[in-house]
ModelCIF file with pLDDT and N, C-alpha, C, O atoms, coordinates in Angstrom:
data_MODEL
#
_entry.id   MODEL 
#
_entity.id                         1 
_entity.type                       polymer 
_entity.pdbx_number_of_molecules   1 
#
_entity_poly.entity_id                      1 
_entity_poly.type                           'polypeptide(L)' 
_entity_poly.nstd_linkage                   no 
_entity_poly.nstd_monomer                   no 
_entity_poly.pdbx_seq_one_letter_code       
;(UNK)(UNK)(UNK)(UNK)(UNK)(UNK)(UNK)(UNK)(UNK)(UNK)(UNK)(UNK)(UNK)(UNK)(UNK)(UNK)
(UNK)(UNK)(UNK)(UNK)(UNK)(UNK)(UNK)(UNK)(UNK)(UNK)(UNK)(UNK)(UNK)(UNK)(UNK)(UNK)
(UNK)(UNK)(UNK)(UNK)(UNK)(UNK)
;
_entity_poly.pdbx_seq_one_letter_code_can   XXXXXXXXXXXXXXXXXXXXXXXXXXXXXXXXXXXXXX 
_entity_poly.pdbx_strand_id                 A 
#
loop_
_entity_poly_seq.entity_id 
_entity_poly_seq.num 
_entity_poly_seq.mon_id 
_entity_poly_seq.hetero 
1 1  UNK n 
1 2  UNK n 
1 3  UNK n 
1 4  UNK n 
1 5  UNK n 
1 6  UNK n 
1 7  UNK n 
1 8  UNK n 
1 9  UNK n 
1 10 UNK n 
1 11 UNK n 
1 12 UNK n 
1 13 UNK n 
1 14 UNK n 
1 15 UNK n 
1 16 UNK n 
1 17 UNK n 
1 18 UNK n 
1 19 UNK n 
1 20 UNK n 
1 21 UNK n 
1 22 UNK n 
1 23 UNK n 
1 24 UNK n 
1 25 UNK n 
1 26 UNK n 
1 27 UNK n 
1 28 UNK n 
1 29 UNK n 
1 30 UNK n 
1 31 UNK n 
1 32 UNK n 
1 33 UNK n 
1 34 UNK n 
1 35 UNK n 
1 36 UNK n 
1 37 UNK n 
1 38 UNK n 
#
_struct_asym.id          A 
_struct_asym.entity_id   1 
#
loop_
_ma_qa_metric.id 
_ma_qa_metric.mode 
_ma_qa_metric.name 
_ma_qa_metric.software_group_id 
_ma_qa_metric.type 
1 global pLDDT . pLDDT 
2 local  pLDDT . pLDDT 
#
_ma_qa_metric_global.metric_id      1 
_ma_qa_metric_global.metric_value   89.03 
_ma_qa_metric_global.model_id       1 
_ma_qa_metric_global.ordinal_id     1 
#
loop_
_ma_qa_metric_local.label_asym_id 
_ma_qa_metric_local.label_comp_id 
_ma_qa_metric_local.label_seq_id 
_ma_qa_metric_local.metric_id 
_ma_qa_metric_local.metric_value 
_ma_qa_metric_local.model_id 
_ma_qa_metric_local.ordinal_id 
A UNK 1  2 88.00 1 1  
A UNK 2  2 89.00 1 2  
A UNK 3  2 82.00 1 3  
A UNK 4  2 78.00 1 4  
A UNK 5  2 83.00 1 5  
A UNK 6  2 80.00 1 6  
A UNK 7  2 88.00 1 7  
A UNK 8  2 87.00 1 8  
A UNK 9  2 89.00 1 9  
A UNK 10 2 93.00 1 10 
A UNK 11 2 92.00 1 11 
A UNK 12 2 91.00 1 12 
A UNK 13 2 93.00 1 13 
A UNK 14 2 94.00 1 14 
A UNK 15 2 92.00 1 15 
A UNK 16 2 92.00 1 16 
A UNK 17 2 94.00 1 17 
A UNK 18 2 92.00 1 18 
A UNK 19 2 91.00 1 19 
A UNK 20 2 91.00 1 20 
A UNK 21 2 92.00 1 21 
A UNK 22 2 91.00 1 22 
A UNK 23 2 90.00 1 23 
A UNK 24 2 92.00 1 24 
A UNK 25 2 93.00 1 25 
A UNK 26 2 90.00 1 26 
A UNK 27 2 90.00 1 27 
A UNK 28 2 91.00 1 28 
A UNK 29 2 90.00 1 29 
A UNK 30 2 87.00 1 30 
A UNK 31 2 87.00 1 31 
A UNK 32 2 86.00 1 32 
A UNK 33 2 87.00 1 33 
A UNK 34 2 85.00 1 34 
A UNK 35 2 86.00 1 35 
A UNK 36 2 89.00 1 36 
A UNK 37 2 89.00 1 37 
A UNK 38 2 89.00 1 38 
#
loop_
_atom_site.group_PDB 
_atom_site.id 
_atom_site.type_symbol 
_atom_site.label_atom_id 
_atom_site.label_alt_id 
_atom_site.label_comp_id 
_atom_site.label_asym_id 
_atom_site.label_entity_id 
_atom_site.label_seq_id 
_atom_site.pdbx_PDB_ins_code 
_atom_site.Cartn_x 
_atom_site.Cartn_y 
_atom_site.Cartn_z 
_atom_site.occupancy 
_atom_site.B_iso_or_equiv 
_atom_site.pdbx_formal_charge 
_atom_site.auth_seq_id 
_atom_site.auth_comp_id 
_atom_site.auth_asym_id 
_atom_site.auth_atom_id 
_atom_site.pdbx_PDB_model_num 
ATOM 1   N N  . UNK A 1 1  ? -32.185 -5.024 2.423  1.00 88.00 ? 1  UNK A N  1 
ATOM 2   C CA . UNK A 1 1  ? -33.352 -4.570 1.655  1.00 88.00 ? 1  UNK A CA 1 
ATOM 3   C C  . UNK A 1 1  ? -32.945 -3.569 0.585  1.00 88.00 ? 1  UNK A C  1 
ATOM 4   O O  . UNK A 1 1  ? -33.500 -3.588 -0.514 1.00 88.00 ? 1  UNK A O  1 
ATOM 5   N N  . UNK A 1 2  ? -31.996 -2.704 0.877  1.00 89.00 ? 2  UNK A N  1 
ATOM 6   C CA . UNK A 1 2  ? -31.500 -1.760 -0.131 1.00 89.00 ? 2  UNK A CA 1 
ATOM 7   C C  . UNK A 1 2  ? -30.943 -2.514 -1.336 1.00 89.00 ? 2  UNK A C  1 
ATOM 8   O O  . UNK A 1 2  ? -31.115 -2.089 -2.478 1.00 89.00 ? 2  UNK A O  1 
ATOM 9   N N  . UNK A 1 3  ? -30.276 -3.634 -1.072 1.00 82.00 ? 3  UNK A N  1 
ATOM 10  C CA . UNK A 1 3  ? -29.744 -4.462 -2.163 1.00 82.00 ? 3  UNK A CA 1 
ATOM 11  C C  . UNK A 1 3  ? -30.879 -5.135 -2.918 1.00 82.00 ? 3  UNK A C  1 
ATOM 12  O O  . UNK A 1 3  ? -30.909 -5.116 -4.148 1.00 82.00 ? 3  UNK A O  1 
ATOM 13  N N  . UNK A 1 4  ? -31.815 -5.733 -2.181 1.00 78.00 ? 4  UNK A N  1 
ATOM 14  C CA . UNK A 1 4  ? -32.912 -6.471 -2.806 1.00 78.00 ? 4  UNK A CA 1 
ATOM 15  C C  . UNK A 1 4  ? -33.792 -5.575 -3.665 1.00 78.00 ? 4  UNK A C  1 
ATOM 16  O O  . UNK A 1 4  ? -34.340 -6.030 -4.669 1.00 78.00 ? 4  UNK A O  1 
ATOM 17  N N  . UNK A 1 5  ? -33.936 -4.294 -3.283 1.00 83.00 ? 5  UNK A N  1 
ATOM 18  C CA . UNK A 1 5  ? -34.826 -3.389 -3.998 1.00 83.00 ? 5  UNK A CA 1 
ATOM 19  C C  . UNK A 1 5  ? -34.089 -2.394 -4.884 1.00 83.00 ? 5  UNK A C  1 
ATOM 20  O O  . UNK A 1 5  ? -34.669 -1.401 -5.324 1.00 83.00 ? 5  UNK A O  1 
ATOM 21  N N  . UNK A 1 6  ? -32.800 -2.660 -5.148 1.00 80.00 ? 6  UNK A N  1 
ATOM 22  C CA . UNK A 1 6  ? -31.994 -1.818 -6.049 1.00 80.00 ? 6  UNK A CA 1 
ATOM 23  C C  . UNK A 1 6  ? -31.986 -0.345 -5.630 1.00 80.00 ? 6  UNK A C  1 
ATOM 24  O O  . UNK A 1 6  ? -32.119 0.549  -6.466 1.00 80.00 ? 6  UNK A O  1 
ATOM 25  N N  . UNK A 1 7  ? -31.830 -0.108 -4.335 1.00 88.00 ? 7  UNK A N  1 
ATOM 26  C CA . UNK A 1 7  ? -31.781 1.260  -3.819 1.00 88.00 ? 7  UNK A CA 1 
ATOM 27  C C  . UNK A 1 7  ? -30.464 1.525  -3.086 1.00 88.00 ? 7  UNK A C  1 
ATOM 28  O O  . UNK A 1 7  ? -30.392 2.371  -2.195 1.00 88.00 ? 7  UNK A O  1 
ATOM 29  N N  . UNK A 1 8  ? -29.435 0.789  -3.478 1.00 87.00 ? 8  UNK A N  1 
ATOM 30  C CA . UNK A 1 8  ? -28.152 0.931  -2.774 1.00 87.00 ? 8  UNK A CA 1 
ATOM 31  C C  . UNK A 1 8  ? -27.429 2.226  -3.130 1.00 87.00 ? 8  UNK A C  1 
ATOM 32  O O  . UNK A 1 8  ? -26.399 2.545  -2.537 1.00 87.00 ? 8  UNK A O  1 
ATOM 33  N N  . UNK A 1 9  ? -27.973 2.985  -4.112 1.00 89.00 ? 9  UNK A N  1 
ATOM 34  C CA . UNK A 1 9  ? -27.360 4.270  -4.426 1.00 89.00 ? 9  UNK A CA 1 
ATOM 35  C C  . UNK A 1 9  ? -27.407 5.214  -3.229 1.00 89.00 ? 9  UNK A C  1 
ATOM 36  O O  . UNK A 1 9  ? -26.506 6.033  -3.046 1.00 89.00 ? 9  UNK A O  1 
ATOM 37  N N  . UNK A 1 10 ? -28.467 5.101  -2.406 1.00 93.00 ? 10 UNK A N  1 
ATOM 38  C CA . UNK A 1 10 ? -28.553 5.940  -1.203 1.00 93.00 ? 10 UNK A CA 1 
ATOM 39  C C  . UNK A 1 10 ? -27.441 5.588  -0.222 1.00 93.00 ? 10 UNK A C  1 
ATOM 40  O O  . UNK A 1 10 ? -26.839 6.472  0.389  1.00 93.00 ? 10 UNK A O  1 
ATOM 41  N N  . UNK A 1 11 ? -27.175 4.301  -0.077 1.00 92.00 ? 11 UNK A N  1 
ATOM 42  C CA . UNK A 1 11 ? -26.082 3.863  0.787  1.00 92.00 ? 11 UNK A CA 1 
ATOM 43  C C  . UNK A 1 11 ? -24.744 4.335  0.236  1.00 92.00 ? 11 UNK A C  1 
ATOM 44  O O  . UNK A 1 11 ? -23.848 4.700  0.998  1.00 92.00 ? 11 UNK A O  1 
ATOM 45  N N  . UNK A 1 12 ? -24.606 4.329  -1.081 1.00 91.00 ? 12 UNK A N  1 
ATOM 46  C CA . UNK A 1 12 ? -23.365 4.767  -1.717 1.00 91.00 ? 12 UNK A CA 1 
ATOM 47  C C  . UNK A 1 12 ? -23.093 6.244  -1.430 1.00 91.00 ? 12 UNK A C  1 
ATOM 48  O O  . UNK A 1 12 ? -21.961 6.615  -1.121 1.00 91.00 ? 12 UNK A O  1 
ATOM 49  N N  . UNK A 1 13 ? -24.126 7.091  -1.529 1.00 93.00 ? 13 UNK A N  1 
ATOM 50  C CA . UNK A 1 13 ? -23.950 8.516  -1.236 1.00 93.00 ? 13 UNK A CA 1 
ATOM 51  C C  . UNK A 1 13 ? -23.433 8.711  0.194  1.00 93.00 ? 13 UNK A C  1 
ATOM 52  O O  . UNK A 1 13 ? -22.521 9.502  0.433  1.00 93.00 ? 13 UNK A O  1 
ATOM 53  N N  . UNK A 1 14 ? -24.023 7.988  1.124  1.00 94.00 ? 14 UNK A N  1 
ATOM 54  C CA . UNK A 1 14 ? -23.630 8.116  2.534  1.00 94.00 ? 14 UNK A CA 1 
ATOM 55  C C  . UNK A 1 14 ? -22.194 7.665  2.747  1.00 94.00 ? 14 UNK A C  1 
ATOM 56  O O  . UNK A 1 14 ? -21.433 8.320  3.459  1.00 94.00 ? 14 UNK A O  1 
ATOM 57  N N  . UNK A 1 15 ? -21.818 6.537  2.124  1.00 92.00 ? 15 UNK A N  1 
ATOM 58  C CA . UNK A 1 15 ? -20.463 6.017  2.299  1.00 92.00 ? 15 UNK A CA 1 
ATOM 59  C C  . UNK A 1 15 ? -19.406 6.954  1.718  1.00 92.00 ? 15 UNK A C  1 
ATOM 60  O O  . UNK A 1 15 ? -18.313 7.073  2.272  1.00 92.00 ? 15 UNK A O  1 
ATOM 61  N N  . UNK A 1 16 ? -19.721 7.614  0.616  1.00 92.00 ? 16 UNK A N  1 
ATOM 62  C CA . UNK A 1 16 ? -18.784 8.585  0.037  1.00 92.00 ? 16 UNK A CA 1 
ATOM 63  C C  . UNK A 1 16 ? -18.550 9.729  1.015  1.00 92.00 ? 16 UNK A C  1 
ATOM 64  O O  . UNK A 1 16 ? -17.412 10.106 1.292  1.00 92.00 ? 16 UNK A O  1 
ATOM 65  N N  . UNK A 1 17 ? -19.640 10.268 1.529  1.00 94.00 ? 17 UNK A N  1 
ATOM 66  C CA . UNK A 1 17 ? -19.543 11.383 2.475  1.00 94.00 ? 17 UNK A CA 1 
ATOM 67  C C  . UNK A 1 17 ? -18.786 10.981 3.732  1.00 94.00 ? 17 UNK A C  1 
ATOM 68  O O  . UNK A 1 17 ? -17.918 11.716 4.201  1.00 94.00 ? 17 UNK A O  1 
ATOM 69  N N  . UNK A 1 18 ? -19.113 9.820  4.275  1.00 92.00 ? 18 UNK A N  1 
ATOM 70  C CA . UNK A 1 18 ? -18.474 9.341  5.499  1.00 92.00 ? 18 UNK A CA 1 
ATOM 71  C C  . UNK A 1 18 ? -16.980 9.107  5.292  1.00 92.00 ? 18 UNK A C  1 
ATOM 72  O O  . UNK A 1 18 ? -16.180 9.418  6.175  1.00 92.00 ? 18 UNK A O  1 
ATOM 73  N N  . UNK A 1 19 ? -16.599 8.573  4.157  1.00 91.00 ? 19 UNK A N  1 
ATOM 74  C CA . UNK A 1 19 ? -15.178 8.319  3.873  1.00 91.00 ? 19 UNK A CA 1 
ATOM 75  C C  . UNK A 1 19 ? -14.387 9.619  3.774  1.00 91.00 ? 19 UNK A C  1 
ATOM 76  O O  . UNK A 1 19 ? -13.252 9.702  4.243  1.00 91.00 ? 19 UNK A O  1 
ATOM 77  N N  . UNK A 1 20 ? -14.995 10.634 3.160  1.00 91.00 ? 20 UNK A N  1 
ATOM 78  C CA . UNK A 1 20 ? -14.336 11.938 3.062  1.00 91.00 ? 20 UNK A CA 1 
ATOM 79  C C  . UNK A 1 20 ? -14.137 12.536 4.449  1.00 91.00 ? 20 UNK A C  1 
ATOM 80  O O  . UNK A 1 20 ? -13.070 13.064 4.763  1.00 91.00 ? 20 UNK A O  1 
ATOM 81  N N  . UNK A 1 21 ? -15.176 12.446 5.276  1.00 92.00 ? 21 UNK A N  1 
ATOM 82  C CA . UNK A 1 21 ? -15.084 12.946 6.660  1.00 92.00 ? 21 UNK A CA 1 
ATOM 83  C C  . UNK A 1 21 ? -13.997 12.202 7.429  1.00 92.00 ? 21 UNK A C  1 
ATOM 84  O O  . UNK A 1 21 ? -13.213 12.816 8.154  1.00 92.00 ? 21 UNK A O  1 
ATOM 85  N N  . UNK A 1 22 ? -13.950 10.875 7.271  1.00 91.00 ? 22 UNK A N  1 
ATOM 86  C CA . UNK A 1 22 ? -12.964 10.049 7.971  1.00 91.00 ? 22 UNK A CA 1 
ATOM 87  C C  . UNK A 1 22 ? -11.539 10.448 7.600  1.00 91.00 ? 22 UNK A C  1 
ATOM 88  O O  . UNK A 1 22 ? -10.693 10.638 8.473  1.00 91.00 ? 22 UNK A O  1 
ATOM 89  N N  . UNK A 1 23 ? -11.280 10.574 6.302  1.00 90.00 ? 23 UNK A N  1 
ATOM 90  C CA . UNK A 1 23 ? -9.932  10.933 5.843  1.00 90.00 ? 23 UNK A CA 1 
ATOM 91  C C  . UNK A 1 23 ? -9.549  12.329 6.307  1.00 90.00 ? 23 UNK A C  1 
ATOM 92  O O  . UNK A 1 23 ? -8.418  12.547 6.742  1.00 90.00 ? 23 UNK A O  1 
ATOM 93  N N  . UNK A 1 24 ? -10.478 13.280 6.222  1.00 92.00 ? 24 UNK A N  1 
ATOM 94  C CA . UNK A 1 24 ? -10.194 14.661 6.616  1.00 92.00 ? 24 UNK A CA 1 
ATOM 95  C C  . UNK A 1 24 ? -9.829  14.749 8.101  1.00 92.00 ? 24 UNK A C  1 
ATOM 96  O O  . UNK A 1 24 ? -8.851  15.401 8.467  1.00 92.00 ? 24 UNK A O  1 
ATOM 97  N N  . UNK A 1 25 ? -10.619 14.091 8.946  1.00 93.00 ? 25 UNK A N  1 
ATOM 98  C CA . UNK A 1 25 ? -10.353 14.123 10.390 1.00 93.00 ? 25 UNK A CA 1 
ATOM 99  C C  . UNK A 1 25 ? -9.045  13.391 10.710 1.00 93.00 ? 25 UNK A C  1 
ATOM 100 O O  . UNK A 1 25 ? -8.276  13.831 11.565 1.00 93.00 ? 25 UNK A O  1 
ATOM 101 N N  . UNK A 1 26 ? -8.794  12.259 10.011 1.00 90.00 ? 26 UNK A N  1 
ATOM 102 C CA . UNK A 1 26 ? -7.558  11.495 10.247 1.00 90.00 ? 26 UNK A CA 1 
ATOM 103 C C  . UNK A 1 26 ? -6.324  12.318 9.892  1.00 90.00 ? 26 UNK A C  1 
ATOM 104 O O  . UNK A 1 26 ? -5.356  12.338 10.652 1.00 90.00 ? 26 UNK A O  1 
ATOM 105 N N  . UNK A 1 27 ? -6.346  12.990 8.760  1.00 90.00 ? 27 UNK A N  1 
ATOM 106 C CA . UNK A 1 27 ? -5.207  13.826 8.360  1.00 90.00 ? 27 UNK A CA 1 
ATOM 107 C C  . UNK A 1 27 ? -4.981  14.975 9.333  1.00 90.00 ? 27 UNK A C  1 
ATOM 108 O O  . UNK A 1 27 ? -3.856  15.445 9.504  1.00 90.00 ? 27 UNK A O  1 
ATOM 109 N N  . UNK A 1 28 ? -6.062  15.425 9.970  1.00 91.00 ? 28 UNK A N  1 
ATOM 110 C CA . UNK A 1 28 ? -5.957  16.519 10.927 1.00 91.00 ? 28 UNK A CA 1 
ATOM 111 C C  . UNK A 1 28 ? -5.414  16.053 12.286 1.00 91.00 ? 28 UNK A C  1 
ATOM 112 O O  . UNK A 1 28 ? -4.646  16.767 12.930 1.00 91.00 ? 28 UNK A O  1 
ATOM 113 N N  . UNK A 1 29 ? -5.821  14.847 12.715 1.00 90.00 ? 29 UNK A N  1 
ATOM 114 C CA . UNK A 1 29 ? -5.501  14.389 14.067 1.00 90.00 ? 29 UNK A CA 1 
ATOM 115 C C  . UNK A 1 29 ? -4.303  13.444 14.162 1.00 90.00 ? 29 UNK A C  1 
ATOM 116 O O  . UNK A 1 29 ? -3.562  13.483 15.145 1.00 90.00 ? 29 UNK A O  1 
ATOM 117 N N  . UNK A 1 30 ? -4.107  12.597 13.149 1.00 87.00 ? 30 UNK A N  1 
ATOM 118 C CA . UNK A 1 30 ? -3.074  11.555 13.245 1.00 87.00 ? 30 UNK A CA 1 
ATOM 119 C C  . UNK A 1 30 ? -1.647  12.067 13.418 1.00 87.00 ? 30 UNK A C  1 
ATOM 120 O O  . UNK A 1 30 ? -0.875  11.440 14.143 1.00 87.00 ? 30 UNK A O  1 
ATOM 121 N N  . UNK A 1 31 ? -1.256  13.184 12.783 1.00 87.00 ? 31 UNK A N  1 
ATOM 122 C CA . UNK A 1 31 ? 0.122   13.654 12.995 1.00 87.00 ? 31 UNK A CA 1 
ATOM 123 C C  . UNK A 1 31 ? 0.460   13.924 14.460 1.00 87.00 ? 31 UNK A C  1 
ATOM 124 O O  . UNK A 1 31 ? 1.607   13.744 14.868 1.00 87.00 ? 31 UNK A O  1 
ATOM 125 N N  . UNK A 1 32 ? -0.528  14.356 15.262 1.00 86.00 ? 32 UNK A N  1 
ATOM 126 C CA . UNK A 1 32 ? -0.281  14.662 16.669 1.00 86.00 ? 32 UNK A CA 1 
ATOM 127 C C  . UNK A 1 32 ? -0.705  13.538 17.614 1.00 86.00 ? 32 UNK A C  1 
ATOM 128 O O  . UNK A 1 32 ? -0.051  13.288 18.627 1.00 86.00 ? 32 UNK A O  1 
ATOM 129 N N  . UNK A 1 33 ? -1.803  12.866 17.274 1.00 87.00 ? 33 UNK A N  1 
ATOM 130 C CA . UNK A 1 33 ? -2.361  11.866 18.197 1.00 87.00 ? 33 UNK A CA 1 
ATOM 131 C C  . UNK A 1 33 ? -2.070  10.426 17.787 1.00 87.00 ? 33 UNK A C  1 
ATOM 132 O O  . UNK A 1 33 ? -2.332  9.510  18.567 1.00 87.00 ? 33 UNK A O  1 
ATOM 133 N N  . UNK A 1 34 ? -1.541  10.198 16.596 1.00 85.00 ? 34 UNK A N  1 
ATOM 134 C CA . UNK A 1 34 ? -1.214  8.853  16.145 1.00 85.00 ? 34 UNK A CA 1 
ATOM 135 C C  . UNK A 1 34 ? -2.435  7.957  16.056 1.00 85.00 ? 34 UNK A C  1 
ATOM 136 O O  . UNK A 1 34 ? -3.439  8.326  15.447 1.00 85.00 ? 34 UNK A O  1 
ATOM 137 N N  . UNK A 1 35 ? -2.351  6.764  16.671 1.00 86.00 ? 35 UNK A N  1 
ATOM 138 C CA . UNK A 1 35 ? -3.434  5.786  16.572 1.00 86.00 ? 35 UNK A CA 1 
ATOM 139 C C  . UNK A 1 35 ? -4.707  6.288  17.256 1.00 86.00 ? 35 UNK A C  1 
ATOM 140 O O  . UNK A 1 35 ? -5.805  5.904  16.853 1.00 86.00 ? 35 UNK A O  1 
ATOM 141 N N  . UNK A 1 36 ? -4.587  7.127  18.270 1.00 89.00 ? 36 UNK A N  1 
ATOM 142 C CA . UNK A 1 36 ? -5.766  7.692  18.929 1.00 89.00 ? 36 UNK A CA 1 
ATOM 143 C C  . UNK A 1 36 ? -6.535  8.598  17.965 1.00 89.00 ? 36 UNK A C  1 
ATOM 144 O O  . UNK A 1 36 ? -7.766  8.616  17.967 1.00 89.00 ? 36 UNK A O  1 
ATOM 145 N N  . UNK A 1 37 ? -5.811  9.336  17.156 1.00 89.00 ? 37 UNK A N  1 
ATOM 146 C CA . UNK A 1 37 ? -6.449  10.185 16.152 1.00 89.00 ? 37 UNK A CA 1 
ATOM 147 C C  . UNK A 1 37 ? -7.217  9.366  15.130 1.00 89.00 ? 37 UNK A C  1 
ATOM 148 O O  . UNK A 1 37 ? -8.287  9.767  14.672 1.00 89.00 ? 37 UNK A O  1 
ATOM 149 N N  . UNK A 1 38 ? -6.654  8.205  14.776 1.00 89.00 ? 38 UNK A N  1 
ATOM 150 C CA . UNK A 1 38 ? -7.337  7.314  13.832 1.00 89.00 ? 38 UNK A CA 1 
ATOM 151 C C  . UNK A 1 38 ? -8.642  6.803  14.428 1.00 89.00 ? 38 UNK A C  1 
ATOM 152 O O  . UNK A 1 38 ? -9.359  6.039  13.782 1.00 89.00 ? 38 UNK A O  1 
#
């Protein structure tokens, strides 16, 4: 529906934030926990 009604900008904002969180946590945990940190 977001696509059909041209409101995917809201989804884009969320995905940007989530990707930043994912990378930040991965860089913090992966050196010690490896695949578990990912």
